Amino acid sequence: MAVIVKYVVERNGVERMTFTSKKEADAYDKMLDVAESLEQMLSKVDVPLSEQQVESLALEIAKQKDDFLAVLKGGKPVATKKAKPSAKTNTENVTPLKEA
């Protein structure tokens, strides 16, 4: 029998993603923190967006934060290689990032 270590990212009592390395789990957790902060900012903009649009936009910006930072600093998006994910997505229990 093998022993397998799994790192689970959990938000509001719901399992969001499972990783095989602590580094990847920490990075994903930090990305979710950034997305939550972006949601708060985006909900205050004077552009009519639905709650779902705000959530999706915040998550995508957080995923590509390096490109956004480069553009905001006056540069061009950084060409990044897409890494092969080593995480298993648990889509059954995924809930929105916003707390009710």
PDB file of N, CA and C in Angstrom:
ATOM      1  N   MET A   1       0.846  -1.170   0.000  1.00  0.00           N
ATOM      2  CA  MET A   1       0.000   0.000   0.000  1.00  0.00           C
ATOM      3  C   MET A   1       0.892   1.235   0.000  1.00  0.00           C
ATOM      4  N   ALA A   2       0.528   2.195  -0.830  1.00  0.00           N
ATOM      5  CA  ALA A   2       1.297   3.436  -0.944  1.00  0.00           C
ATOM      6  C   ALA A   2       0.640   4.537  -0.121  1.00  0.00           C
ATOM      7  N   VAL A   3       1.484   5.407   0.381  1.00  0.00           N
ATOM      8  CA  VAL A   3       1.002   6.585   1.100  1.00  0.00           C
ATOM      9  C   VAL A   3       1.130   7.774   0.150  1.00  0.00           C
ATOM     10  N   ILE A   4       0.020   8.467  -0.041  1.00  0.00           N
ATOM     11  CA  ILE A   4       0.005   9.604  -0.950  1.00  0.00           C
ATOM     12  C   ILE A   4      -0.361  10.848  -0.154  1.00  0.00           C
ATOM     13  N   VAL A   5       0.475  11.872  -0.285  1.00  0.00           N
ATOM     14  CA  VAL A   5       0.218  13.143   0.392  1.00  0.00           C
ATOM     15  C   VAL A   5      -0.521  14.044  -0.590  1.00  0.00           C
ATOM     16  N   LYS A   6      -1.638  14.595  -0.138  1.00  0.00           N
ATOM     17  CA  LYS A   6      -2.413  15.516  -0.961  1.00  0.00           C
ATOM     18  C   LYS A   6      -2.606  16.811  -0.191  1.00  0.00           C
ATOM     19  N   TYR A   7      -2.527  17.914  -0.917  1.00  0.00           N
ATOM     20  CA  TYR A   7      -2.744  19.236  -0.338  1.00  0.00           C
ATOM     21  C   TYR A   7      -4.058  19.759  -0.904  1.00  0.00           C
ATOM     22  N   VAL A   8      -4.980  20.060  -0.022  1.00  0.00           N
ATOM     23  CA  VAL A   8      -6.315  20.481  -0.425  1.00  0.00           C
ATOM     24  C   VAL A   8      -6.493  21.966  -0.124  1.00  0.00           C
ATOM     25  N   VAL A   9      -6.919  22.711  -1.132  1.00  0.00           N
ATOM     26  CA  VAL A   9      -7.244  24.130  -0.943  1.00  0.00           C
ATOM     27  C   VAL A   9      -8.739  24.182  -0.672  1.00  0.00           C
ATOM     28  N   GLU A  10      -9.071  24.748   0.475  1.00  0.00           N
ATOM     29  CA  GLU A  10     -10.462  24.798   0.910  1.00  0.00           C
ATOM     30  C   GLU A  10     -10.863  26.237   1.162  1.00  0.00           C
ATOM     31  N   ARG A  11     -12.035  26.611   0.716  1.00  0.00           N
ATOM     32  CA  ARG A  11     -12.579  27.954   0.935  1.00  0.00           C
ATOM     33  C   ARG A  11     -13.983  27.815   1.498  1.00  0.00           C
ATOM     34  N   ASN A  12     -14.220  28.462   2.622  1.00  0.00           N
ATOM     35  CA  ASN A  12     -15.543  28.457   3.253  1.00  0.00           C
ATOM     36  C   ASN A  12     -16.082  27.042   3.459  1.00  0.00           C
ATOM     37  N   GLY A  13     -15.198  26.145   3.825  1.00  0.00           N
ATOM     38  CA  GLY A  13     -15.598  24.773   4.094  1.00  0.00           C
ATOM     39  C   GLY A  13     -15.813  23.915   2.863  1.00  0.00           C
ATOM     40  N   VAL A  14     -15.488  24.434   1.685  1.00  0.00           N
ATOM     41  CA  VAL A  14     -15.681  23.700   0.438  1.00  0.00           C
ATOM     42  C   VAL A  14     -14.329  23.428  -0.199  1.00  0.00           C
ATOM     43  N   GLU A  15     -14.093  22.183  -0.572  1.00  0.00           N
ATOM     44  CA  GLU A  15     -12.852  21.803  -1.231  1.00  0.00           C
ATOM     45  C   GLU A  15     -12.828  22.393  -2.633  1.00  0.00           C
ATOM     46  N   ARG A  16     -11.823  23.226  -2.910  1.00  0.00           N
ATOM     47  CA  ARG A  16     -11.718  23.888  -4.215  1.00  0.00           C
ATOM     48  C   ARG A  16     -10.830  23.109  -5.185  1.00  0.00           C
ATOM     49  N   MET A  17      -9.674  22.622  -4.684  1.00  0.00           N
ATOM     50  CA  MET A  17      -8.730  21.958  -5.566  1.00  0.00           C
ATOM     51  C   MET A  17      -7.787  21.114  -4.726  1.00  0.00           C
ATOM     52  N   THR A  18      -7.301  20.030  -5.302  1.00  0.00           N
ATOM     53  CA  THR A  18      -6.358  19.141  -4.631  1.00  0.00           C
ATOM     54  C   THR A  18      -5.061  19.122  -5.428  1.00  0.00           C
ATOM     55  N   PHE A  19      -3.935  19.231  -4.700  1.00  0.00           N
ATOM     56  CA  PHE A  19      -2.619  19.269  -5.343  1.00  0.00           C
ATOM     57  C   PHE A  19      -1.711  18.203  -4.760  1.00  0.00           C
ATOM     58  N   THR A  20      -0.651  17.903  -5.480  1.00  0.00           N
ATOM     59  CA  THR A  20       0.332  16.940  -5.000  1.00  0.00           C
ATOM     60  C   THR A  20       1.533  17.625  -4.371  1.00  0.00           C
ATOM     61  N   SER A  21       1.627  18.956  -4.516  1.00  0.00           N
ATOM     62  CA  SER A  21       2.735  19.670  -3.884  1.00  0.00           C
ATOM     63  C   SER A  21       2.211  20.862  -3.089  1.00  0.00           C
ATOM     64  N   LYS A  22       2.866  21.141  -1.986  1.00  0.00           N
ATOM     65  CA  LYS A  22       2.480  22.265  -1.126  1.00  0.00           C
ATOM     66  C   LYS A  22       2.670  23.586  -1.862  1.00  0.00           C
ATOM     67  N   LYS A  23       3.722  23.686  -2.642  1.00  0.00           N
ATOM     68  CA  LYS A  23       4.021  24.915  -3.381  1.00  0.00           C
ATOM     69  C   LYS A  23       2.874  25.268  -4.329  1.00  0.00           C
ATOM     70  N   GLU A  24       2.370  24.289  -5.068  1.00  0.00           N
ATOM     71  CA  GLU A  24       1.263  24.523  -5.991  1.00  0.00           C
ATOM     72  C   GLU A  24      -0.013  24.886  -5.242  1.00  0.00           C
ATOM     73  N   ALA A  25      -0.263  24.213  -4.115  1.00  0.00           N
ATOM     74  CA  ALA A  25      -1.451  24.506  -3.314  1.00  0.00           C
ATOM     75  C   ALA A  25      -1.389  25.921  -2.758  1.00  0.00           C
ATOM     76  N   ASP A  26      -0.227  26.330  -2.273  1.00  0.00           N
ATOM     77  CA  ASP A  26      -0.063  27.689  -1.750  1.00  0.00           C
ATOM     78  C   ASP A  26      -0.260  28.733  -2.853  1.00  0.00           C
ATOM     79  N   ALA A  27       0.267  28.454  -4.030  1.00  0.00           N
ATOM     80  CA  ALA A  27       0.130  29.389  -5.151  1.00  0.00           C
ATOM     81  C   ALA A  27      -1.341  29.526  -5.554  1.00  0.00           C
ATOM     82  N   TYR A  28      -2.061  28.431  -5.584  1.00  0.00           N
ATOM     83  CA  TYR A  28      -3.487  28.473  -5.936  1.00  0.00           C
ATOM     84  C   TYR A  28      -4.279  29.228  -4.870  1.00  0.00           C
ATOM     85  N   ASP A  29      -3.950  28.995  -3.598  1.00  0.00           N
ATOM     86  CA  ASP A  29      -4.625  29.682  -2.507  1.00  0.00           C
ATOM     87  C   ASP A  29      -4.380  31.189  -2.598  1.00  0.00           C
ATOM     88  N   LYS A  30      -3.148  31.567  -2.904  1.00  0.00           N
ATOM     89  CA  LYS A  30      -2.822  32.993  -3.050  1.00  0.00           C
ATOM     90  C   LYS A  30      -3.578  33.588  -4.234  1.00  0.00           C
ATOM     91  N   MET A  31      -3.696  32.853  -5.332  1.00  0.00           N
ATOM     92  CA  MET A  31      -4.426  33.322  -6.498  1.00  0.00           C
ATOM     93  C   MET A  31      -5.900  33.553  -6.134  1.00  0.00           C
ATOM     94  N   LEU A  32      -6.473  32.679  -5.320  1.00  0.00           N
ATOM     95  CA  LEU A  32      -7.855  32.864  -4.875  1.00  0.00           C
ATOM     96  C   LEU A  32      -7.990  34.098  -3.989  1.00  0.00           C
ATOM     97  N   ASP A  33      -6.982  34.361  -3.158  1.00  0.00           N
ATOM     98  CA  ASP A  33      -6.986  35.578  -2.334  1.00  0.00           C
ATOM     99  C   ASP A  33      -6.991  36.825  -3.224  1.00  0.00           C
ATOM    100  N   VAL A  34      -6.156  36.814  -4.252  1.00  0.00           N
ATOM    101  CA  VAL A  34      -6.083  37.940  -5.183  1.00  0.00           C
ATOM    102  C   VAL A  34      -7.434  38.108  -5.889  1.00  0.00           C
ATOM    103  N   ALA A  35      -8.037  37.006  -6.311  1.00  0.00           N
ATOM    104  CA  ALA A  35      -9.333  37.062  -6.993  1.00  0.00           C
ATOM    105  C   ALA A  35     -10.407  37.659  -6.088  1.00  0.00           C
ATOM    106  N   GLU A  36     -10.404  37.298  -4.817  1.00  0.00           N
ATOM    107  CA  GLU A  36     -11.384  37.861  -3.880  1.00  0.00           C
ATOM    108  C   GLU A  36     -11.201  39.375  -3.736  1.00  0.00           C
ATOM    109  N   SER A  37      -9.952  39.813  -3.654  1.00  0.00           N
ATOM    110  CA  SER A  37      -9.679  41.249  -3.553  1.00  0.00           C
ATOM    111  C   SER A  37     -10.108  41.970  -4.826  1.00  0.00           C
ATOM    112  N   LEU A  38      -9.847  41.358  -5.969  1.00  0.00           N
ATOM    113  CA  LEU A  38     -10.257  41.953  -7.238  1.00  0.00           C
ATOM    114  C   LEU A  38     -11.776  42.040  -7.352  1.00  0.00           C
ATOM    115  N   GLU A  39     -12.470  41.033  -6.843  1.00  0.00           N
ATOM    116  CA  GLU A  39     -13.934  41.065  -6.857  1.00  0.00           C
ATOM    117  C   GLU A  39     -14.450  42.284  -6.109  1.00  0.00           C
ATOM    118  N   GLN A  40     -13.856  42.563  -4.971  1.00  0.00           N
ATOM    119  CA  GLN A  40     -14.274  43.721  -4.180  1.00  0.00           C
ATOM    120  C   GLN A  40     -14.046  45.012  -4.970  1.00  0.00           C
ATOM    121  N   MET A  41     -12.915  45.103  -5.652  1.00  0.00           N
ATOM    122  CA  MET A  41     -12.620  46.287  -6.461  1.00  0.00           C
ATOM    123  C   MET A  41     -13.569  46.399  -7.652  1.00  0.00           C
ATOM    124  N   LEU A  42     -13.771  45.286  -8.355  1.00  0.00           N
ATOM    125  CA  LEU A  42     -14.597  45.298  -9.562  1.00  0.00           C
ATOM    126  C   LEU A  42     -16.067  45.563  -9.259  1.00  0.00           C
ATOM    127  N   SER A  43     -16.512  45.186  -8.081  1.00  0.00           N
ATOM    128  CA  SER A  43     -17.917  45.420  -7.740  1.00  0.00           C
ATOM    129  C   SER A  43     -18.196  46.908  -7.541  1.00  0.00           C
ATOM    130  N   LYS A  44     -17.153  47.717  -7.392  1.00  0.00           N
ATOM    131  CA  LYS A  44     -17.305  49.157  -7.178  1.00  0.00           C
ATOM    132  C   LYS A  44     -17.138  49.975  -8.456  1.00  0.00           C
ATOM    133  N   VAL A  45     -16.760  49.337  -9.564  1.00  0.00           N
ATOM    134  CA  VAL A  45     -16.555  50.089 -10.805  1.00  0.00           C
ATOM    135  C   VAL A  45     -17.891  50.520 -11.387  1.00  0.00           C
ATOM    136  N   ASP A  46     -17.837  51.583 -12.172  1.00  0.00           N
ATOM    137  CA  ASP A  46     -19.051  52.149 -12.751  1.00  0.00           C
ATOM    138  C   ASP A  46     -19.349  51.522 -14.115  1.00  0.00           C
ATOM    139  N   VAL A  47     -19.312  50.214 -14.165  1.00  0.00           N
ATOM    140  CA  VAL A  47     -19.628  49.455 -15.373  1.00  0.00           C
ATOM    141  C   VAL A  47     -20.634  48.387 -14.960  1.00  0.00           C
ATOM    142  N   PRO A  48     -21.749  48.309 -15.675  1.00  0.00           N
ATOM    143  CA  PRO A  48     -22.762  47.322 -15.268  1.00  0.00           C
ATOM    144  C   PRO A  48     -22.302  45.886 -15.537  1.00  0.00           C
ATOM    145  N   LEU A  49     -21.936  45.186 -14.482  1.00  0.00           N
ATOM    146  CA  LEU A  49     -21.526  43.790 -14.569  1.00  0.00           C
ATOM    147  C   LEU A  49     -22.352  42.977 -13.591  1.00  0.00           C
ATOM    148  N   SER A  50     -22.722  41.796 -13.997  1.00  0.00           N
ATOM    149  CA  SER A  50     -23.446  40.914 -13.082  1.00  0.00           C
ATOM    150  C   SER A  50     -22.460  40.359 -12.052  1.00  0.00           C
ATOM    151  N   GLU A  51     -22.985  39.799 -10.995  1.00  0.00           N
ATOM    152  CA  GLU A  51     -22.131  39.212  -9.956  1.00  0.00           C
ATOM    153  C   GLU A  51     -21.270  38.103 -10.538  1.00  0.00           C
ATOM    154  N   GLN A  52     -21.848  37.300 -11.438  1.00  0.00           N
ATOM    155  CA  GLN A  52     -21.102  36.213 -12.079  1.00  0.00           C
ATOM    156  C   GLN A  52     -19.994  36.757 -12.970  1.00  0.00           C
ATOM    157  N   GLN A  53     -20.266  37.850 -13.685  1.00  0.00           N
ATOM    158  CA  GLN A  53     -19.248  38.447 -14.539  1.00  0.00           C
ATOM    159  C   GLN A  53     -18.095  39.005 -13.704  1.00  0.00           C
ATOM    160  N   VAL A  54     -18.428  39.658 -12.594  1.00  0.00           N
ATOM    161  CA  VAL A  54     -17.400  40.198 -11.709  1.00  0.00           C
ATOM    162  C   VAL A  54     -16.524  39.063 -11.184  1.00  0.00           C
ATOM    163  N   GLU A  55     -17.155  37.976 -10.751  1.00  0.00           N
ATOM    164  CA  GLU A  55     -16.419  36.830 -10.210  1.00  0.00           C
ATOM    165  C   GLU A  55     -15.516  36.205 -11.275  1.00  0.00           C
ATOM    166  N   SER A  56     -16.058  36.000 -12.472  1.00  0.00           N
ATOM    167  CA  SER A  56     -15.274  35.379 -13.551  1.00  0.00           C
ATOM    168  C   SER A  56     -14.111  36.269 -13.972  1.00  0.00           C
ATOM    169  N   LEU A  57     -14.378  37.560 -14.101  1.00  0.00           N
ATOM    170  CA  LEU A  57     -13.331  38.507 -14.491  1.00  0.00           C
ATOM    171  C   LEU A  57     -12.228  38.564 -13.446  1.00  0.00           C
ATOM    172  N   ALA A  58     -12.607  38.624 -12.181  1.00  0.00           N
ATOM    173  CA  ALA A  58     -11.616  38.670 -11.104  1.00  0.00           C
ATOM    174  C   ALA A  58     -10.740  37.423 -11.117  1.00  0.00           C
ATOM    175  N   LEU A  59     -11.337  36.270 -11.313  1.00  0.00           N
ATOM    176  CA  LEU A  59     -10.582  35.014 -11.331  1.00  0.00           C
ATOM    177  C   LEU A  59      -9.621  34.965 -12.513  1.00  0.00           C
ATOM    178  N   GLU A  60     -10.067  35.407 -13.682  1.00  0.00           N
ATOM    179  CA  GLU A  60      -9.190  35.405 -14.860  1.00  0.00           C
ATOM    180  C   GLU A  60      -8.040  36.394 -14.713  1.00  0.00           C
ATOM    181  N   ILE A  61      -8.317  37.566 -14.149  1.00  0.00           N
ATOM    182  CA  ILE A  61      -7.241  38.543 -13.926  1.00  0.00           C
ATOM    183  C   ILE A  61      -6.225  37.971 -12.945  1.00  0.00           C
ATOM    184  N   ALA A  62      -6.719  37.324 -11.876  1.00  0.00           N
ATOM    185  CA  ALA A  62      -5.817  36.730 -10.881  1.00  0.00           C
ATOM    186  C   ALA A  62      -4.969  35.628 -11.504  1.00  0.00           C
ATOM    187  N   LYS A  63      -5.546  34.841 -12.403  1.00  0.00           N
ATOM    188  CA  LYS A  63      -4.796  33.764 -13.058  1.00  0.00           C
ATOM    189  C   LYS A  63      -3.679  34.316 -13.944  1.00  0.00           C
ATOM    190  N   GLN A  64      -3.923  35.489 -14.536  1.00  0.00           N
ATOM    191  CA  GLN A  64      -2.967  36.069 -15.467  1.00  0.00           C
ATOM    192  C   GLN A  64      -2.366  37.359 -14.920  1.00  0.00           C
ATOM    193  N   LYS A  65      -2.165  37.401 -13.608  1.00  0.00           N
ATOM    194  CA  LYS A  65      -1.734  38.646 -12.961  1.00  0.00           C
ATOM    195  C   LYS A  65      -0.405  39.170 -13.490  1.00  0.00           C
ATOM    196  N   ASP A  66       0.521  38.296 -13.851  1.00  0.00           N
ATOM    197  CA  ASP A  66       1.815  38.755 -14.368  1.00  0.00           C
ATOM    198  C   ASP A  66       1.644  39.539 -15.666  1.00  0.00           C
ATOM    199  N   ASP A  67       0.775  39.048 -16.547  1.00  0.00           N
ATOM    200  CA  ASP A  67       0.506  39.759 -17.798  1.00  0.00           C
ATOM    201  C   ASP A  67      -0.156  41.102 -17.521  1.00  0.00           C
ATOM    202  N   PHE A  68      -1.130  41.121 -16.613  1.00  0.00           N
ATOM    203  CA  PHE A  68      -1.813  42.366 -16.290  1.00  0.00           C
ATOM    204  C   PHE A  68      -0.853  43.375 -15.664  1.00  0.00           C
ATOM    205  N   LEU A  69       0.011  42.916 -14.781  1.00  0.00           N
ATOM    206  CA  LEU A  69       0.979  43.814 -14.159  1.00  0.00           C
ATOM    207  C   LEU A  69       1.927  44.407 -15.195  1.00  0.00           C
ATOM    208  N   ALA A  70       2.365  43.575 -16.126  1.00  0.00           N
ATOM    209  CA  ALA A  70       3.271  44.053 -17.171  1.00  0.00           C
ATOM    210  C   ALA A  70       2.591  45.128 -18.011  1.00  0.00           C
ATOM    211  N   VAL A  71       1.338  44.914 -18.378  1.00  0.00           N
ATOM    212  CA  VAL A  71       0.606  45.887 -19.185  1.00  0.00           C
ATOM    213  C   VAL A  71       0.370  47.168 -18.393  1.00  0.00           C
ATOM    214  N   LEU A  72       0.014  47.047 -17.127  1.00  0.00           N
ATOM    215  CA  LEU A  72      -0.222  48.230 -16.297  1.00  0.00           C
ATOM    216  C   LEU A  72       1.047  49.052 -16.086  1.00  0.00           C
ATOM    217  N   LYS A  73       2.202  48.398 -16.187  1.00  0.00           N
ATOM    218  CA  LYS A  73       3.472  49.113 -16.060  1.00  0.00           C
ATOM    219  C   LYS A  73       3.933  49.683 -17.400  1.00  0.00           C
ATOM    220  N   GLY A  74       3.109  49.526 -18.442  1.00  0.00           N
ATOM    221  CA  GLY A  74       3.432  50.089 -19.745  1.00  0.00           C
ATOM    222  C   GLY A  74       4.102  49.140 -20.694  1.00  0.00           C
ATOM    223  N   GLY A  75       4.218  47.897 -20.324  1.00  0.00           N
ATOM    224  CA  GLY A  75       4.874  46.913 -21.178  1.00  0.00           C
ATOM    225  C   GLY A  75       3.874  46.075 -21.944  1.00  0.00           C
ATOM    226  N   LYS A  76       4.347  44.970 -22.430  1.00  0.00           N
ATOM    227  CA  LYS A  76       3.499  44.021 -23.148  1.00  0.00           C
ATOM    228  C   LYS A  76       3.331  42.779 -22.295  1.00  0.00           C
ATOM    229  N   PRO A  77       2.271  42.008 -22.551  1.00  0.00           N
ATOM    230  CA  PRO A  77       2.073  40.781 -21.778  1.00  0.00           C
ATOM    231  C   PRO A  77       3.274  39.847 -21.889  1.00  0.00           C
ATOM    232  N   VAL A  78       3.592  39.208 -20.785  1.00  0.00           N
ATOM    233  CA  VAL A  78       4.700  38.261 -20.745  1.00  0.00           C
ATOM    234  C   VAL A  78       4.247  36.957 -21.376  1.00  0.00           C
ATOM    235  N   ALA A  79       5.049  36.446 -22.301  1.00  0.00           N
ATOM    236  CA  ALA A  79       4.721  35.155 -22.922  1.00  0.00           C
ATOM    237  C   ALA A  79       5.068  34.051 -21.934  1.00  0.00           C
ATOM    238  N   THR A  80       4.054  33.354 -21.465  1.00  0.00           N
ATOM    239  CA  THR A  80       4.285  32.284 -20.498  1.00  0.00           C
ATOM    240  C   THR A  80       3.911  30.951 -21.107  1.00  0.00           C
ATOM    241  N   LYS A  81       4.643  29.934 -20.706  1.00  0.00           N
ATOM    242  CA  LYS A  81       4.328  28.580 -21.130  1.00  0.00           C
ATOM    243  C   LYS A  81       3.250  28.045 -20.213  1.00  0.00           C
ATOM    244  N   LYS A  82       2.307  27.345 -20.803  1.00  0.00           N
ATOM    245  CA  LYS A  82       1.264  26.736 -19.987  1.00  0.00           C
ATOM    246  C   LYS A  82       1.821  25.458 -19.382  1.00  0.00           C
ATOM    247  N   ALA A  83       1.835  25.429 -18.059  1.00  0.00           N
ATOM    248  CA  ALA A  83       2.344  24.254 -17.360  1.00  0.00           C
ATOM    249  C   ALA A  83       1.276  23.178 -17.321  1.00  0.00           C
ATOM    250  N   LYS A  84       1.721  21.969 -17.319  1.00  0.00           N
ATOM    251  CA  LYS A  84       0.815  20.845 -17.216  1.00  0.00           C
ATOM    252  C   LYS A  84       0.299  20.783 -15.779  1.00  0.00           C
ATOM    253  N   PRO A  85      -1.003  20.932 -15.582  1.00  0.00           N
ATOM    254  CA  PRO A  85      -1.518  20.948 -14.207  1.00  0.00           C
ATOM    255  C   PRO A  85      -1.391  19.582 -13.551  1.00  0.00           C
ATOM    256  N   SER A  86      -1.023  19.607 -12.277  1.00  0.00           N
ATOM    257  CA  SER A  86      -0.918  18.353 -11.537  1.00  0.00           C
ATOM    258  C   SER A  86      -2.008  18.282 -10.480  1.00  0.00           C
ATOM    259  N   ALA A  87      -3.062  19.042 -10.709  1.00  0.00           N
ATOM    260  CA  ALA A  87      -4.146  19.092  -9.730  1.00  0.00           C
ATOM    261  C   ALA A  87      -5.374  18.400 -10.283  1.00  0.00           C
ATOM    262  N   LYS A  88      -6.172  17.902  -9.374  1.00  0.00           N
ATOM    263  CA  LYS A  88      -7.450  17.316  -9.736  1.00  0.00           C
ATOM    264  C   LYS A  88      -8.522  18.321  -9.359  1.00  0.00           C
ATOM    265  N   THR A  89      -9.344  18.680 -10.320  1.00  0.00           N
ATOM    266  CA  THR A  89     -10.390  19.654 -10.055  1.00  0.00           C
ATOM    267  C   THR A  89     -11.610  18.954  -9.485  1.00  0.00           C
ATOM    268  N   ASN A  90     -12.128  19.516  -8.426  1.00  0.00           N
ATOM    269  CA  ASN A  90     -13.352  19.017  -7.839  1.00  0.00           C
ATOM    270  C   ASN A  90     -14.446  20.005  -8.212  1.00  0.00           C
ATOM    271  N   THR A  91     -15.108  19.750  -9.335  1.00  0.00           N
ATOM    272  CA  THR A  91     -16.096  20.699  -9.827  1.00  0.00           C
ATOM    273  C   THR A  91     -17.468  20.502  -9.212  1.00  0.00           C
ATOM    274  N   GLU A  92     -17.705  19.398  -8.563  1.00  0.00           N
ATOM    275  CA  GLU A  92     -19.016  19.146  -7.978  1.00  0.00           C
ATOM    276  C   GLU A  92     -19.328  20.100  -6.839  1.00  0.00           C
ATOM    277  N   ASN A  93     -18.340  20.430  -6.026  1.00  0.00           N
ATOM    278  CA  ASN A  93     -18.566  21.227  -4.838  1.00  0.00           C
ATOM    279  C   ASN A  93     -18.002  22.636  -4.921  1.00  0.00           C
ATOM    280  N   VAL A  94     -17.731  23.104  -6.136  1.00  0.00           N
ATOM    281  CA  VAL A  94     -17.162  24.434  -6.278  1.00  0.00           C
ATOM    282  C   VAL A  94     -18.265  25.469  -6.095  1.00  0.00           C
ATOM    283  N   THR A  95     -18.006  26.435  -5.239  1.00  0.00           N
ATOM    284  CA  THR A  95     -18.956  27.510  -5.003  1.00  0.00           C
ATOM    285  C   THR A  95     -18.315  28.828  -5.349  1.00  0.00           C
ATOM    286  N   PRO A  96     -19.104  29.861  -5.525  1.00  0.00           N
ATOM    287  CA  PRO A  96     -18.534  31.170  -5.836  1.00  0.00           C
ATOM    288  C   PRO A  96     -17.575  31.619  -4.751  1.00  0.00           C
ATOM    289  N   LEU A  97     -16.627  32.494  -5.106  1.00  0.00           N
ATOM    290  CA  LEU A  97     -15.637  32.971  -4.181  1.00  0.00           C
ATOM    291  C   LEU A  97     -16.227  33.892  -3.127  1.00  0.00           C
ATOM    292  N   LYS A  98     -17.305  34.589  -3.456  1.00  0.00           N
ATOM    293  CA  LYS A  98     -17.899  35.532  -2.521  1.00  0.00           C
ATOM    294  C   LYS A  98     -18.554  34.796  -1.368  1.00  0.00           C
ATOM    295  N   GLU A  99     -18.412  35.377  -0.195  1.00  0.00           N
ATOM    296  CA  GLU A  99     -19.077  34.808   0.966  1.00  0.00           C
ATOM    297  C   GLU A  99     -20.497  35.347   1.019  1.00  0.00           C
ATOM    298  N   ALA A 100     -21.425  34.480   1.383  1.00  0.00           N
ATOM    299  CA  ALA A 100     -22.835  34.889   1.444  1.00  0.00           C
ATOM    300  C   ALA A 100     -23.131  35.609   2.734  1.00  0.00           C
TER     301      ALA A 100
END
